[in-house]
Amino acid sequence: MLSDKSFTENYIKTNRRRLKKRYQMIVDGLKSVGIECLRGNAGLFCWMNLSSLLEKPTKEQELALWKLILHEVKINISPGSSCHCSEPGWFRVCFANMSEQTLKVALRRIHEFMERRNNVKSVDVYSSNQFFSS
């Protein structure tokens, strides 16, 4: 399969296009709900900053937030401390292992979680934002 140059070139091109689209979806989707995301130029994941949700900037608070997100939001993101991040509150989110539809569901859940946590008045991002539409 890898010796088929045409197949390999097409596969790499298609894969890059899909990864770029999903990356942009997650960065824009997180930004639309007020979550800072580190910009990258390649990779399978991004870093999102949820430090504003920590009572104190500690590893313990980060892990408590991770457990809350896991149980309440039903998504598994990696706490930064598990990736040797020295600043509590950063989470690594893999976007390459899911379909666009699954990514939209994850972004919708994150938005709803942020609304509950921040007690923010609902903004109609679902109809005006491509990242939350079905």
C-alpha atoms as a PDB file:
ATOM      1  CA  MET A   1       0.000   0.000   0.000  1.00  0.00           C
ATOM      2  CA  LEU A   2       2.756   2.470   0.903  1.00  0.00           C
ATOM      3  CA  SER A   3       4.618   1.588  -2.273  1.00  0.00           C
ATOM      4  CA  ASP A   4       1.662   2.974  -4.241  1.00  0.00           C
ATOM      5  CA  LYS A   5       2.880   6.561  -4.564  1.00  0.00           C
ATOM      6  CA  SER A   6      -0.425   7.913  -5.880  1.00  0.00           C
ATOM      7  CA  PHE A   7      -2.387   6.346  -3.026  1.00  0.00           C
ATOM      8  CA  THR A   8       0.091   7.530  -0.395  1.00  0.00           C
ATOM      9  CA  GLU A   9       0.171  11.112  -1.681  1.00  0.00           C
ATOM     10  CA  ASN A  10      -3.631  11.248  -1.837  1.00  0.00           C
ATOM     11  CA  TYR A  11      -3.940   9.718   1.639  1.00  0.00           C
ATOM     12  CA  ILE A  12      -1.545  12.246   3.179  1.00  0.00           C
ATOM     13  CA  LYS A  13      -3.236  15.162   1.404  1.00  0.00           C
ATOM     14  CA  THR A  14      -6.705  14.034   2.519  1.00  0.00           C
ATOM     15  CA  ASN A  15      -5.534  13.396   6.076  1.00  0.00           C
ATOM     16  CA  ARG A  16      -3.922  16.845   6.343  1.00  0.00           C
ATOM     17  CA  ARG A  17      -7.080  18.515   5.033  1.00  0.00           C
ATOM     18  CA  ARG A  18      -9.268  16.667   7.558  1.00  0.00           C
ATOM     19  CA  LEU A  19      -6.922  17.419  10.456  1.00  0.00           C
ATOM     20  CA  LYS A  20      -6.746  21.100   9.527  1.00  0.00           C
ATOM     21  CA  LYS A  21     -10.538  21.350   9.354  1.00  0.00           C
ATOM     22  CA  ARG A  22     -11.046  19.628  12.715  1.00  0.00           C
ATOM     23  CA  TYR A  23      -8.327  21.745  14.310  1.00  0.00           C
ATOM     24  CA  GLN A  24     -10.010  24.921  13.098  1.00  0.00           C
ATOM     25  CA  MET A  25     -13.385  23.639  14.291  1.00  0.00           C
ATOM     26  CA  ILE A  26     -12.147  23.010  17.821  1.00  0.00           C
ATOM     27  CA  VAL A  27     -10.141  26.226  18.149  1.00  0.00           C
ATOM     28  CA  ASP A  28     -13.001  28.361  16.817  1.00  0.00           C
ATOM     29  CA  GLY A  29     -15.602  26.426  18.799  1.00  0.00           C
ATOM     30  CA  LEU A  30     -13.694  26.842  22.064  1.00  0.00           C
ATOM     31  CA  LYS A  31     -13.021  30.507  21.351  1.00  0.00           C
ATOM     32  CA  SER A  32     -16.729  31.109  20.749  1.00  0.00           C
ATOM     33  CA  VAL A  33     -17.446  30.054  24.345  1.00  0.00           C
ATOM     34  CA  GLY A  34     -14.594  32.074  25.828  1.00  0.00           C
ATOM     35  CA  ILE A  35     -11.983  29.346  26.149  1.00  0.00           C
ATOM     36  CA  GLU A  36      -8.425  30.303  25.250  1.00  0.00           C
ATOM     37  CA  CYS A  37      -6.650  27.798  23.053  1.00  0.00           C
ATOM     38  CA  LEU A  38      -2.984  27.711  22.158  1.00  0.00           C
ATOM     39  CA  ARG A  39      -2.459  28.015  18.435  1.00  0.00           C
ATOM     40  CA  GLY A  40      -0.488  25.262  16.768  1.00  0.00           C
ATOM     41  CA  ASN A  41       0.619  24.560  13.235  1.00  0.00           C
ATOM     42  CA  ALA A  42       0.511  20.761  13.263  1.00  0.00           C
ATOM     43  CA  GLY A  43      -0.550  17.865  15.426  1.00  0.00           C
ATOM     44  CA  LEU A  44      -3.468  15.822  16.620  1.00  0.00           C
ATOM     45  CA  PHE A  45      -4.478  17.853  19.656  1.00  0.00           C
ATOM     46  CA  CYS A  46      -4.719  21.376  21.036  1.00  0.00           C
ATOM     47  CA  TRP A  47      -4.320  22.901  24.481  1.00  0.00           C
ATOM     48  CA  MET A  48      -7.274  24.687  26.083  1.00  0.00           C
ATOM     49  CA  ASN A  49      -7.055  26.900  29.141  1.00  0.00           C
ATOM     50  CA  LEU A  50      -9.628  26.251  31.853  1.00  0.00           C
ATOM     51  CA  SER A  51      -7.581  27.812  34.651  1.00  0.00           C
ATOM     52  CA  SER A  52     -10.340  30.368  35.270  1.00  0.00           C
ATOM     53  CA  LEU A  53     -12.491  27.486  36.534  1.00  0.00           C
ATOM     54  CA  LEU A  54      -9.989  26.490  39.222  1.00  0.00           C
ATOM     55  CA  GLU A  55     -10.558  27.722  42.768  1.00  0.00           C
ATOM     56  CA  LYS A  56      -6.794  27.617  43.289  1.00  0.00           C
ATOM     57  CA  PRO A  57      -4.053  27.051  40.686  1.00  0.00           C
ATOM     58  CA  THR A  58      -3.051  23.590  41.895  1.00  0.00           C
ATOM     59  CA  LYS A  59      -2.679  20.150  40.381  1.00  0.00           C
ATOM     60  CA  GLU A  60      -5.334  18.884  42.800  1.00  0.00           C
ATOM     61  CA  GLN A  61      -7.848  21.474  41.592  1.00  0.00           C
ATOM     62  CA  GLU A  62      -7.001  20.627  37.984  1.00  0.00           C
ATOM     63  CA  LEU A  63      -7.661  16.934  38.638  1.00  0.00           C
ATOM     64  CA  ALA A  64     -10.925  17.776  40.421  1.00  0.00           C
ATOM     65  CA  LEU A  65     -12.015  19.794  37.365  1.00  0.00           C
ATOM     66  CA  TRP A  66     -10.990  16.927  35.074  1.00  0.00           C
ATOM     67  CA  LYS A  67     -13.148  14.489  37.084  1.00  0.00           C
ATOM     68  CA  LEU A  68     -16.067  16.922  36.981  1.00  0.00           C
ATOM     69  CA  ILE A  69     -15.776  17.270  33.197  1.00  0.00           C
ATOM     70  CA  LEU A  70     -15.461  13.512  32.789  1.00  0.00           C
ATOM     71  CA  HIS A  71     -18.595  12.785  34.840  1.00  0.00           C
ATOM     72  CA  GLU A  72     -20.749  15.818  34.042  1.00  0.00           C
ATOM     73  CA  VAL A  73     -19.808  16.616  30.450  1.00  0.00           C
ATOM     74  CA  LYS A  74     -19.002  13.011  29.489  1.00  0.00           C
ATOM     75  CA  ILE A  75     -15.840  13.864  27.586  1.00  0.00           C
ATOM     76  CA  ASN A  76     -12.324  12.786  28.454  1.00  0.00           C
ATOM     77  CA  ILE A  77      -9.723  15.478  28.002  1.00  0.00           C
ATOM     78  CA  SER A  78      -6.215  15.114  29.378  1.00  0.00           C
ATOM     79  CA  PRO A  79      -5.313  17.279  32.356  1.00  0.00           C
ATOM     80  CA  GLY A  80      -2.125  19.168  31.618  1.00  0.00           C
ATOM     81  CA  SER A  81      -0.392  17.675  34.629  1.00  0.00           C
ATOM     82  CA  SER A  82      -0.635  14.237  32.991  1.00  0.00           C
ATOM     83  CA  CYS A  83       1.400  15.695  30.108  1.00  0.00           C
ATOM     84  CA  HIS A  84       3.923  17.431  32.389  1.00  0.00           C
ATOM     85  CA  CYS A  85       2.392  20.887  31.924  1.00  0.00           C
ATOM     86  CA  SER A  86       3.670  23.038  34.786  1.00  0.00           C
ATOM     87  CA  GLU A  87       0.740  25.496  34.788  1.00  0.00           C
ATOM     88  CA  PRO A  88      -2.489  24.068  36.285  1.00  0.00           C
ATOM     89  CA  GLY A  89      -5.675  24.506  34.291  1.00  0.00           C
ATOM     90  CA  TRP A  90      -4.462  23.592  30.820  1.00  0.00           C
ATOM     91  CA  PHE A  91      -6.033  20.539  29.193  1.00  0.00           C
ATOM     92  CA  ARG A  92      -4.946  18.638  26.101  1.00  0.00           C
ATOM     93  CA  VAL A  93      -7.795  17.871  23.719  1.00  0.00           C
ATOM     94  CA  CYS A  94      -7.386  15.319  20.950  1.00  0.00           C
ATOM     95  CA  PHE A  95      -9.459  16.271  17.913  1.00  0.00           C
ATOM     96  CA  ALA A  96      -8.055  13.795  15.398  1.00  0.00           C
ATOM     97  CA  ASN A  97      -9.753  10.708  16.774  1.00  0.00           C
ATOM     98  CA  MET A  98     -13.346  11.749  16.108  1.00  0.00           C
ATOM     99  CA  SER A  99     -15.682  12.576  13.279  1.00  0.00           C
ATOM    100  CA  GLU A 100     -16.858  16.123  12.647  1.00  0.00           C
ATOM    101  CA  GLN A 101     -20.266  15.199  14.061  1.00  0.00           C
ATOM    102  CA  THR A 102     -18.702  13.870  17.271  1.00  0.00           C
ATOM    103  CA  LEU A 103     -16.588  17.014  17.547  1.00  0.00           C
ATOM    104  CA  LYS A 104     -19.735  19.141  17.232  1.00  0.00           C
ATOM    105  CA  VAL A 105     -21.360  17.153  20.043  1.00  0.00           C
ATOM    106  CA  ALA A 106     -18.264  17.612  22.226  1.00  0.00           C
ATOM    107  CA  LEU A 107     -18.205  21.363  21.562  1.00  0.00           C
ATOM    108  CA  ARG A 108     -21.911  21.637  22.357  1.00  0.00           C
ATOM    109  CA  ARG A 109     -21.352  19.820  25.669  1.00  0.00           C
ATOM    110  CA  ILE A 110     -18.410  22.072  26.515  1.00  0.00           C
ATOM    111  CA  HIS A 111     -20.516  25.149  25.745  1.00  0.00           C
ATOM    112  CA  GLU A 112     -23.335  23.949  27.992  1.00  0.00           C
ATOM    113  CA  PHE A 113     -20.843  23.168  30.760  1.00  0.00           C
ATOM    114  CA  MET A 114     -19.300  26.632  30.505  1.00  0.00           C
ATOM    115  CA  GLU A 115     -22.753  28.221  30.659  1.00  0.00           C
ATOM    116  CA  ARG A 116     -23.539  26.298  33.844  1.00  0.00           C
ATOM    117  CA  ARG A 117     -20.145  27.048  35.417  1.00  0.00           C
ATOM    118  CA  ASN A 118     -20.158  30.721  34.552  1.00  0.00           C
ATOM    119  CA  ASN A 119     -23.886  31.164  35.069  1.00  0.00           C
ATOM    120  CA  VAL A 120     -23.826  33.131  31.834  1.00  0.00           C
ATOM    121  CA  LYS A 121     -26.948  34.100  29.986  1.00  0.00           C
ATOM    122  CA  SER A 122     -27.402  31.799  27.015  1.00  0.00           C
ATOM    123  CA  VAL A 123     -26.190  33.097  23.682  1.00  0.00           C
ATOM    124  CA  ASP A 124     -27.716  31.615  20.561  1.00  0.00           C
ATOM    125  CA  VAL A 125     -24.472  30.200  19.210  1.00  0.00           C
ATOM    126  CA  TYR A 126     -26.199  27.067  17.963  1.00  0.00           C
ATOM    127  CA  SER A 127     -28.015  28.732  15.087  1.00  0.00           C
ATOM    128  CA  SER A 128     -25.340  31.294  14.263  1.00  0.00           C
ATOM    129  CA  ASN A 129     -22.242  29.142  14.686  1.00  0.00           C
ATOM    130  CA  GLN A 130     -21.383  26.343  12.287  1.00  0.00           C
ATOM    131  CA  PHE A 131     -19.552  24.474  15.042  1.00  0.00           C
ATOM    132  CA  PHE A 132     -22.713  23.826  17.032  1.00  0.00           C
ATOM    133  CA  SER A 133     -25.146  23.108  14.205  1.00  0.00           C
ATOM    134  CA  SER A 134     -26.195  19.528  13.650  1.00  0.00           C
END
